[in-house]
Amino acid sequence: MNAAPATPTPLTIPDVKNFAAIVRQNVRKFGAKPVMRTRRQGQTLLAEPFTIDKGEVTPTMKLKRKAINQKFSQAIDAMYTE
């Protein structure tokens, strides 16, 4: 008899600040040196994913960079300020 496949447990993130710290730590650990002359000073985690309905991605899930740059310009600028 075949055993039933294990049900995956959902990922829970009880502390968003802790999650953000883990992401920053891994970006520092595994990230490559920036190619641009201006270095990014931090990361920004968005509460909602990019969606087709909000005009941030195409139906093939490609980023619409112009729309994202316009919508999140303040957050992007904040990552590059010194």
Protein backbone atom coordinates (compact mmCIF):
# COMPACT_ATOMS: atom_id res chain seq x y z
CA MET A 1 0.00 0.00 0.00
CA ASN A 2 1.13 3.52 -0.72
CA ALA A 3 1.29 5.91 2.19
CA ALA A 4 -0.53 9.19 1.81
CA PRO A 5 1.80 12.10 1.01
CA ALA A 6 2.66 14.27 3.97
CA THR A 7 0.66 17.47 4.20
CA PRO A 8 3.00 20.44 4.11
CA THR A 9 2.75 22.74 7.08
CA PRO A 10 2.18 26.39 6.28
CA LEU A 11 5.04 28.78 6.88
CA THR A 12 4.23 31.02 9.78
CA ILE A 13 5.97 34.29 10.42
CA PRO A 14 5.04 35.27 13.98
CA ASP A 15 7.33 38.29 14.13
CA VAL A 16 7.66 40.41 11.01
CA LYS A 17 10.62 42.33 12.45
CA ASN A 18 12.46 39.06 13.04
CA PHE A 19 11.66 37.93 9.50
CA ALA A 20 12.97 41.21 8.06
CA ALA A 21 16.20 40.78 10.06
CA ILE A 22 16.64 37.25 8.70
CA VAL A 23 16.14 38.50 5.14
CA ARG A 24 18.68 41.31 5.65
CA GLN A 25 21.18 38.87 7.17
CA ASN A 26 20.89 36.49 4.21
CA VAL A 27 21.13 39.30 1.67
CA ARG A 28 24.37 40.43 3.33
CA LYS A 29 25.65 36.87 3.56
CA PHE A 30 24.86 35.71 0.02
CA GLY A 31 24.48 38.95 -1.93
CA ALA A 32 26.97 39.94 -4.55
CA LYS A 33 28.71 43.28 -4.59
CA PRO A 34 26.48 45.95 -6.13
CA VAL A 35 27.23 46.88 -9.72
CA MET A 36 25.80 50.37 -9.38
CA ARG A 37 27.83 53.25 -8.00
CA THR A 38 25.15 54.06 -5.45
CA ARG A 39 24.84 51.42 -2.76
CA ARG A 40 21.50 50.37 -1.43
CA GLN A 41 21.26 51.17 2.27
CA GLY A 42 18.48 48.76 3.18
CA GLN A 43 15.60 46.61 2.03
CA THR A 44 11.89 47.20 1.97
CA LEU A 45 9.43 44.37 2.48
CA LEU A 46 6.02 45.03 1.01
CA ALA A 47 2.89 43.86 2.78
CA GLU A 48 1.21 42.80 -0.47
CA PRO A 49 2.63 40.94 -3.48
CA PHE A 50 2.73 42.55 -6.93
CA THR A 51 -0.42 41.69 -8.87
CA ILE A 52 -1.85 41.97 -12.37
CA ASP A 53 -4.95 43.73 -10.98
CA LYS A 54 -2.85 46.53 -9.48
CA GLY A 55 -0.87 46.89 -12.73
CA GLU A 56 2.49 45.87 -11.26
CA VAL A 57 3.03 42.71 -13.33
CA THR A 58 2.02 41.50 -16.79
CA PRO A 59 -0.18 38.42 -17.33
CA THR A 60 3.08 36.45 -17.75
CA MET A 61 4.23 37.73 -14.32
CA LYS A 62 6.94 40.04 -15.66
CA LEU A 63 7.51 43.17 -13.58
CA LYS A 64 6.21 46.44 -14.97
CA ARG A 65 9.20 48.45 -13.86
CA LYS A 66 7.81 51.87 -14.83
CA ALA A 67 4.60 51.31 -12.84
CA ILE A 68 6.51 49.93 -9.85
CA ASN A 69 9.03 52.80 -9.92
CA GLN A 70 6.20 55.34 -9.99
CA LYS A 71 4.12 53.66 -7.29
CA PHE A 72 6.99 52.94 -4.89
CA SER A 73 9.32 55.85 -5.70
CA GLN A 74 9.51 57.07 -2.08
CA ALA A 75 10.38 53.61 -0.74
CA ILE A 76 12.97 53.08 -3.50
CA ASP A 77 14.55 56.50 -2.90
CA ALA A 78 14.70 55.77 0.85
CA MET A 79 16.79 52.65 0.18
CA TYR A 80 19.45 54.73 -1.60
CA THR A 81 19.74 57.70 0.75
CA GLU A 82 22.81 57.95 2.89
